[in-house]
Amino acid sequence: MHKKKIKYAGLPLDGAGKVLIMLHGRGASADDILSLSNYLNVKDFALIAPQATNQTWYPYSFLAPAKQNEPWLSSAMDLLSDLVSEIEQLGITKENLYFLGFSQGACLTLEFASRNAAKYGGIVAFTGSLIGEKIEPDKYKGDFEGTPVLIATSNPDFHVPVERVYASANILKNMGAHVTEKVYDNMGHTINQDEINLANQLIFDK
């Protein structure tokens, strides 16, 4: 099970109007994903980055049968639920709550947000999709009410098939999100400057 280990940056939580939860990829760290904030327009945000135990949110591919990734996936979901509850208890509404993830962290970002859809400030998924051997729409509830979402990826990507990215984007659109999809040819499993520019333009500069 994931231990609660959180890194903070940016403005203090009790003095920030906006909060960005940042989720790192497999084999990476909270510090790694926080370093991305140097390139994002988030100077007026409190930044929160949970650290996955053993540097992975769940052990197998996001396309593996659900049981194979338990209890780690449920534990990651519970950790995020608790974190969001703590943020709301400080008086910060979901409209001022943002999510960003890369790779495994992007998959977790989309899965958590779609299971708990609401009008969030914005969601950024750098190379990710919904989790599961197959997408099960019945798992996803709520209404995004126009939440801006950026999903960007490479085609091909060794870890995340582009078809799955499109299918995930369609689920979020059907739930009321305003989704922008961006696919880069042969980019590789990374984040490029254009993605960062789009995230700033579509999500953080609003």
C-alpha atoms as a PDB file:
ATOM      1  CA  MET A   1       0.000   0.000   0.000  1.00  0.00           C
ATOM      2  CA  HIS A   2       1.157   3.539  -0.681  1.00  0.00           C
ATOM      3  CA  LYS A   3       2.536   5.487   2.250  1.00  0.00           C
ATOM      4  CA  LYS A   4       1.505   9.108   2.427  1.00  0.00           C
ATOM      5  CA  LYS A   5       4.618  10.996   1.397  1.00  0.00           C
ATOM      6  CA  ILE A   6       3.900  14.396  -0.133  1.00  0.00           C
ATOM      7  CA  LYS A   7       6.248  17.039  -1.530  1.00  0.00           C
ATOM      8  CA  TYR A   8       5.140  20.678  -1.647  1.00  0.00           C
ATOM      9  CA  ALA A   9       6.308  23.641  -3.707  1.00  0.00           C
ATOM     10  CA  GLY A  10       4.999  26.970  -4.925  1.00  0.00           C
ATOM     11  CA  LEU A  11       2.751  28.989  -2.630  1.00  0.00           C
ATOM     12  CA  PRO A  12       1.741  27.660   0.783  1.00  0.00           C
ATOM     13  CA  LEU A  13      -1.578  25.838   0.733  1.00  0.00           C
ATOM     14  CA  ASP A  14      -3.209  28.225   3.171  1.00  0.00           C
ATOM     15  CA  GLY A  15      -2.262  31.217   1.019  1.00  0.00           C
ATOM     16  CA  ALA A  16      -2.963  29.910  -2.471  1.00  0.00           C
ATOM     17  CA  GLY A  17      -6.093  30.386  -4.495  1.00  0.00           C
ATOM     18  CA  LYS A  18      -5.214  27.506  -6.807  1.00  0.00           C
ATOM     19  CA  VAL A  19      -3.726  24.072  -6.225  1.00  0.00           C
ATOM     20  CA  LEU A  20      -2.008  21.775  -8.744  1.00  0.00           C
ATOM     21  CA  ILE A  21      -1.608  18.080  -7.934  1.00  0.00           C
ATOM     22  CA  MET A  22       1.296  16.626  -9.951  1.00  0.00           C
ATOM     23  CA  LEU A  23       1.734  12.864 -10.457  1.00  0.00           C
ATOM     24  CA  HIS A  24       5.070  11.404 -11.525  1.00  0.00           C
ATOM     25  CA  GLY A  25       5.653   8.468 -13.855  1.00  0.00           C
ATOM     26  CA  ARG A  26       6.953   4.966 -13.162  1.00  0.00           C
ATOM     27  CA  GLY A  27      10.473   4.952 -11.790  1.00  0.00           C
ATOM     28  CA  ALA A  28      10.445   8.696 -11.196  1.00  0.00           C
ATOM     29  CA  SER A  29       9.819  10.815  -8.127  1.00  0.00           C
ATOM     30  CA  ALA A  30       7.772  13.668  -6.724  1.00  0.00           C
ATOM     31  CA  ASP A  31      10.808  15.917  -7.095  1.00  0.00           C
ATOM     32  CA  ASP A  32      11.067  15.000 -10.783  1.00  0.00           C
ATOM     33  CA  ILE A  33       7.516  16.029 -11.601  1.00  0.00           C
ATOM     34  CA  LEU A  34       7.743  19.153  -9.453  1.00  0.00           C
ATOM     35  CA  SER A  35      10.729  20.300 -11.520  1.00  0.00           C
ATOM     36  CA  LEU A  36       8.367  20.555 -14.507  1.00  0.00           C
ATOM     37  CA  SER A  37       6.683  23.489 -12.769  1.00  0.00           C
ATOM     38  CA  ASN A  38       9.683  25.631 -13.734  1.00  0.00           C
ATOM     39  CA  TYR A  39       8.285  25.637 -17.283  1.00  0.00           C
ATOM     40  CA  LEU A  40       4.609  26.116 -16.410  1.00  0.00           C
ATOM     41  CA  ASN A  41       2.748  29.322 -15.603  1.00  0.00           C
ATOM     42  CA  VAL A  42       1.911  28.277 -12.058  1.00  0.00           C
ATOM     43  CA  LYS A  43       3.515  30.991  -9.950  1.00  0.00           C
ATOM     44  CA  ASP A  44       0.223  31.647  -8.171  1.00  0.00           C
ATOM     45  CA  PHE A  45      -0.383  27.953  -7.400  1.00  0.00           C
ATOM     46  CA  ALA A  46       0.346  25.705  -4.464  1.00  0.00           C
ATOM     47  CA  LEU A  47       2.012  22.597  -5.894  1.00  0.00           C
ATOM     48  CA  ILE A  48       1.511  19.141  -4.412  1.00  0.00           C
ATOM     49  CA  ALA A  49       3.294  15.992  -5.582  1.00  0.00           C
ATOM     50  CA  PRO A  50       2.644  12.654  -3.866  1.00  0.00           C
ATOM     51  CA  GLN A  51       5.460  10.099  -3.953  1.00  0.00           C
ATOM     52  CA  ALA A  52       4.536   6.569  -5.036  1.00  0.00           C
ATOM     53  CA  THR A  53       5.906   3.807  -2.847  1.00  0.00           C
ATOM     54  CA  ASN A  54       8.753   2.059  -4.697  1.00  0.00           C
ATOM     55  CA  GLN A  55       8.413   4.766  -7.375  1.00  0.00           C
ATOM     56  CA  THR A  56       5.453   3.116  -9.090  1.00  0.00           C
ATOM     57  CA  TRP A  57       1.729   3.704  -8.685  1.00  0.00           C
ATOM     58  CA  TYR A  58       0.801   0.191  -9.782  1.00  0.00           C
ATOM     59  CA  PRO A  59       3.055  -2.734 -10.765  1.00  0.00           C
ATOM     60  CA  TYR A  60       1.906  -3.733 -14.246  1.00  0.00           C
ATOM     61  CA  SER A  61       0.883  -1.984 -17.449  1.00  0.00           C
ATOM     62  CA  PHE A  62      -2.214   0.181 -17.280  1.00  0.00           C
ATOM     63  CA  LEU A  63      -3.620  -2.254 -19.892  1.00  0.00           C
ATOM     64  CA  ALA A  64      -3.261  -5.265 -17.590  1.00  0.00           C
ATOM     65  CA  PRO A  65      -6.342  -6.944 -16.059  1.00  0.00           C
ATOM     66  CA  ALA A  66      -7.476  -4.815 -13.115  1.00  0.00           C
ATOM     67  CA  LYS A  67      -6.787  -7.483 -10.478  1.00  0.00           C
ATOM     68  CA  GLN A  68      -3.103  -7.573 -11.398  1.00  0.00           C
ATOM     69  CA  ASN A  69      -2.628  -3.955 -10.350  1.00  0.00           C
ATOM     70  CA  GLU A  70      -4.360  -4.336  -6.999  1.00  0.00           C
ATOM     71  CA  PRO A  71      -4.172  -3.386  -4.215  1.00  0.00           C
ATOM     72  CA  TRP A  72      -1.804  -0.690  -5.468  1.00  0.00           C
ATOM     73  CA  LEU A  73      -4.172   1.063  -7.852  1.00  0.00           C
ATOM     74  CA  SER A  74      -6.939   1.315  -5.258  1.00  0.00           C
ATOM     75  CA  SER A  75      -4.405   2.535  -2.727  1.00  0.00           C
ATOM     76  CA  ALA A  76      -3.289   5.285  -5.128  1.00  0.00           C
ATOM     77  CA  MET A  77      -6.916   6.274  -5.682  1.00  0.00           C
ATOM     78  CA  ASP A  78      -7.513   6.427  -1.939  1.00  0.00           C
ATOM     79  CA  LEU A  79      -4.409   8.570  -1.454  1.00  0.00           C
ATOM     80  CA  LEU A  80      -5.674  11.057  -4.045  1.00  0.00           C
ATOM     81  CA  SER A  81      -9.177  11.060  -2.548  1.00  0.00           C
ATOM     82  CA  ASP A  82      -7.749  11.888   0.869  1.00  0.00           C
ATOM     83  CA  LEU A  83      -5.560  14.611  -0.618  1.00  0.00           C
ATOM     84  CA  VAL A  84      -8.481  16.244  -2.414  1.00  0.00           C
ATOM     85  CA  SER A  85     -10.570  16.104   0.782  1.00  0.00           C
ATOM     86  CA  GLU A  86      -7.797  17.810   2.745  1.00  0.00           C
ATOM     87  CA  ILE A  87      -7.518  20.537   0.113  1.00  0.00           C
ATOM     88  CA  GLU A  88     -11.273  21.143   0.150  1.00  0.00           C
ATOM     89  CA  GLN A  89     -11.249  21.345   3.940  1.00  0.00           C
ATOM     90  CA  LEU A  90      -8.956  24.357   3.541  1.00  0.00           C
ATOM     91  CA  GLY A  91     -11.729  26.083   1.600  1.00  0.00           C
ATOM     92  CA  ILE A  92     -10.269  25.495  -1.863  1.00  0.00           C
ATOM     93  CA  THR A  93     -13.009  24.452  -4.271  1.00  0.00           C
ATOM     94  CA  LYS A  94     -12.695  21.897  -7.067  1.00  0.00           C
ATOM     95  CA  GLU A  95     -12.895  24.754  -9.588  1.00  0.00           C
ATOM     96  CA  ASN A  96      -9.507  25.875  -8.262  1.00  0.00           C
ATOM     97  CA  LEU A  97      -8.046  22.353  -8.216  1.00  0.00           C
ATOM     98  CA  TYR A  98      -5.857  21.224 -11.127  1.00  0.00           C
ATOM     99  CA  PHE A  99      -4.234  17.892 -12.023  1.00  0.00           C
ATOM    100  CA  LEU A 100      -1.165  17.070 -14.098  1.00  0.00           C
ATOM    101  CA  GLY A 101       0.580  13.771 -14.729  1.00  0.00           C
ATOM    102  CA  PHE A 102       3.149  12.163 -16.993  1.00  0.00           C
ATOM    103  CA  SER A 103       2.993   8.577 -18.274  1.00  0.00           C
ATOM    104  CA  GLN A 104       1.846   6.328 -15.407  1.00  0.00           C
ATOM    105  CA  GLY A 105       0.998   9.496 -13.509  1.00  0.00           C
ATOM    106  CA  ALA A 106      -1.051  10.732 -16.487  1.00  0.00           C
ATOM    107  CA  CYS A 107      -3.003   7.468 -16.521  1.00  0.00           C
ATOM    108  CA  LEU A 108      -3.667   7.814 -12.797  1.00  0.00           C
ATOM    109  CA  THR A 109      -4.670  11.459 -13.290  1.00  0.00           C
ATOM    110  CA  LEU A 110      -7.261  10.626 -15.943  1.00  0.00           C
ATOM    111  CA  GLU A 111      -8.576   7.601 -14.059  1.00  0.00           C
ATOM    112  CA  PHE A 112      -9.016   9.460 -10.781  1.00  0.00           C
ATOM    113  CA  ALA A 113     -10.584  12.531 -12.362  1.00  0.00           C
ATOM    114  CA  SER A 114     -12.993  10.457 -14.451  1.00  0.00           C
ATOM    115  CA  ARG A 115     -14.108   8.400 -11.472  1.00  0.00           C
ATOM    116  CA  ASN A 116     -14.712  11.676  -9.628  1.00  0.00           C
ATOM    117  CA  ALA A 117     -15.768  14.030 -12.391  1.00  0.00           C
ATOM    118  CA  ALA A 118     -16.557  17.620 -11.396  1.00  0.00           C
ATOM    119  CA  LYS A 119     -15.832  21.129 -12.629  1.00  0.00           C
ATOM    120  CA  TYR A 120     -12.090  21.239 -11.970  1.00  0.00           C
ATOM    121  CA  GLY A 121      -9.736  24.042 -12.893  1.00  0.00           C
ATOM    122  CA  GLY A 122      -8.010  21.901 -15.504  1.00  0.00           C
ATOM    123  CA  ILE A 123      -6.380  18.554 -16.237  1.00  0.00           C
ATOM    124  CA  VAL A 124      -3.141  17.833 -18.116  1.00  0.00           C
ATOM    125  CA  ALA A 125      -2.205  14.297 -19.165  1.00  0.00           C
ATOM    126  CA  PHE A 126       1.200  14.046 -20.830  1.00  0.00           C
ATOM    127  CA  THR A 127       1.077  10.582 -22.473  1.00  0.00           C
ATOM    128  CA  GLY A 128      -1.669   8.696 -20.659  1.00  0.00           C
ATOM    129  CA  SER A 129      -5.112   7.162 -20.873  1.00  0.00           C
ATOM    130  CA  LEU A 130      -7.784   5.586 -18.713  1.00  0.00           C
ATOM    131  CA  ILE A 131      -6.701   2.426 -16.898  1.00  0.00           C
ATOM    132  CA  GLY A 132      -7.839  -1.143 -17.492  1.00  0.00           C
ATOM    133  CA  GLU A 133      -7.657  -4.034 -19.922  1.00  0.00           C
ATOM    134  CA  LYS A 134     -10.736  -2.493 -21.526  1.00  0.00           C
ATOM    135  CA  ILE A 135     -12.381   0.860 -20.900  1.00  0.00           C
ATOM    136  CA  GLU A 136     -15.452   0.341 -18.760  1.00  0.00           C
ATOM    137  CA  PRO A 137     -17.629   3.472 -19.025  1.00  0.00           C
ATOM    138  CA  ASP A 138     -19.756   2.419 -16.044  1.00  0.00           C
ATOM    139  CA  LYS A 139     -16.786   3.111 -13.742  1.00  0.00           C
ATOM    140  CA  TYR A 140     -16.864   6.811 -14.566  1.00  0.00           C
ATOM    141  CA  LYS A 141     -19.392   9.107 -12.956  1.00  0.00           C
ATOM    142  CA  GLY A 142     -20.156  12.786 -12.719  1.00  0.00           C
ATOM    143  CA  ASP A 143     -19.999  15.794 -15.023  1.00  0.00           C
ATOM    144  CA  PHE A 144     -16.856  17.742 -15.869  1.00  0.00           C
ATOM    145  CA  GLU A 145     -18.992  20.798 -16.683  1.00  0.00           C
ATOM    146  CA  GLY A 146     -16.582  22.132 -19.287  1.00  0.00           C
ATOM    147  CA  THR A 147     -13.326  21.401 -17.426  1.00  0.00           C
ATOM    148  CA  PRO A 148     -10.446  22.051 -19.856  1.00  0.00           C
ATOM    149  CA  VAL A 149      -8.399  18.895 -20.461  1.00  0.00           C
ATOM    150  CA  LEU A 150      -5.192  18.483 -22.471  1.00  0.00           C
ATOM    151  CA  ILE A 151      -4.192  14.957 -23.492  1.00  0.00           C
ATOM    152  CA  ALA A 152      -0.951  14.857 -25.491  1.00  0.00           C
ATOM    153  CA  THR A 153       1.029  11.840 -26.682  1.00  0.00           C
ATOM    154  CA  SER A 154       3.364  10.401 -29.289  1.00  0.00           C
ATOM    155  CA  ASN A 155       2.412   8.126 -32.177  1.00  0.00           C
ATOM    156  CA  PRO A 156       3.712   5.589 -31.759  1.00  0.00           C
ATOM    157  CA  ASP A 157       4.349   5.381 -28.030  1.00  0.00           C
ATOM    158  CA  PHE A 158       5.826   2.171 -26.649  1.00  0.00           C
ATOM    159  CA  HIS A 159       3.698   2.286 -23.479  1.00  0.00           C
ATOM    160  CA  VAL A 160       0.433   3.964 -24.511  1.00  0.00           C
ATOM    161  CA  PRO A 161      -1.311   3.035 -27.791  1.00  0.00           C
ATOM    162  CA  VAL A 162      -2.664   6.131 -29.496  1.00  0.00           C
ATOM    163  CA  GLU A 163      -6.014   4.397 -30.117  1.00  0.00           C
ATOM    164  CA  ARG A 164      -6.458   4.116 -26.373  1.00  0.00           C
ATOM    165  CA  VAL A 165      -5.723   7.831 -25.969  1.00  0.00           C
ATOM    166  CA  TYR A 166      -8.496   8.695 -28.440  1.00  0.00           C
ATOM    167  CA  ALA A 167     -10.939   6.316 -26.739  1.00  0.00           C
ATOM    168  CA  SER A 168     -10.174   7.875 -23.345  1.00  0.00           C
ATOM    169  CA  ALA A 169     -10.591  11.384 -24.712  1.00  0.00           C
ATOM    170  CA  ASN A 170     -14.018  10.419 -26.028  1.00  0.00           C
ATOM    171  CA  ILE A 171     -15.103   9.204 -22.585  1.00  0.00           C
ATOM    172  CA  LEU A 172     -14.115  12.535 -21.036  1.00  0.00           C
ATOM    173  CA  LYS A 173     -15.862  14.461 -23.798  1.00  0.00           C
ATOM    174  CA  ASN A 174     -19.033  12.468 -23.178  1.00  0.00           C
ATOM    175  CA  MET A 175     -18.752  13.450 -19.515  1.00  0.00           C
ATOM    176  CA  GLY A 176     -18.711  17.147 -20.355  1.00  0.00           C
ATOM    177  CA  ALA A 177     -14.987  17.899 -20.476  1.00  0.00           C
ATOM    178  CA  HIS A 178     -13.564  20.318 -23.042  1.00  0.00           C
ATOM    179  CA  VAL A 179     -10.800  18.045 -24.342  1.00  0.00           C
ATOM    180  CA  THR A 180      -7.869  19.021 -26.542  1.00  0.00           C
ATOM    181  CA  GLU A 181      -5.969  16.075 -28.034  1.00  0.00           C
ATOM    182  CA  LYS A 182      -2.495  16.535 -29.469  1.00  0.00           C
ATOM    183  CA  VAL A 183      -0.579  13.681 -31.098  1.00  0.00           C
ATOM    184  CA  TYR A 184       3.066  14.108 -32.135  1.00  0.00           C
ATOM    185  CA  ASP A 185       4.622  11.806 -34.713  1.00  0.00           C
ATOM    186  CA  ASN A 186       7.578   9.843 -33.364  1.00  0.00           C
ATOM    187  CA  MET A 187       8.104  12.138 -30.381  1.00  0.00           C
ATOM    188  CA  GLY A 188       9.123   9.311 -28.058  1.00  0.00           C
ATOM    189  CA  HIS A 189       8.140   8.841 -24.439  1.00  0.00           C
ATOM    190  CA  THR A 190       8.845  12.355 -23.234  1.00  0.00           C
ATOM    191  CA  ILE A 191       7.393  15.855 -22.880  1.00  0.00           C
ATOM    192  CA  ASN A 192       8.181  18.455 -25.531  1.00  0.00           C
ATOM    193  CA  GLN A 193       8.097  22.244 -25.492  1.00  0.00           C
ATOM    194  CA  ASP A 194       4.949  22.438 -27.597  1.00  0.00           C
ATOM    195  CA  GLU A 195       3.060  20.363 -25.015  1.00  0.00           C
ATOM    196  CA  ILE A 196       4.188  22.715 -22.277  1.00  0.00           C
ATOM    197  CA  ASN A 197       3.123  25.728 -24.344  1.00  0.00           C
ATOM    198  CA  LEU A 198      -0.303  24.154 -24.888  1.00  0.00           C
ATOM    199  CA  ALA A 199      -0.699  23.382 -21.196  1.00  0.00           C
ATOM    200  CA  ASN A 200       0.048  26.989 -20.356  1.00  0.00           C
ATOM    201  CA  GLN A 201      -2.249  28.335 -23.053  1.00  0.00           C
ATOM    202  CA  LEU A 202      -5.213  26.020 -22.466  1.00  0.00           C
ATOM    203  CA  ILE A 203      -5.045  25.394 -18.729  1.00  0.00           C
ATOM    204  CA  PHE A 204      -2.784  27.557 -16.603  1.00  0.00           C
ATOM    205  CA  ASP A 205      -3.138  30.973 -18.252  1.00  0.00           C
ATOM    206  CA  LYS A 206      -6.910  31.031 -17.739  1.00  0.00           C
END
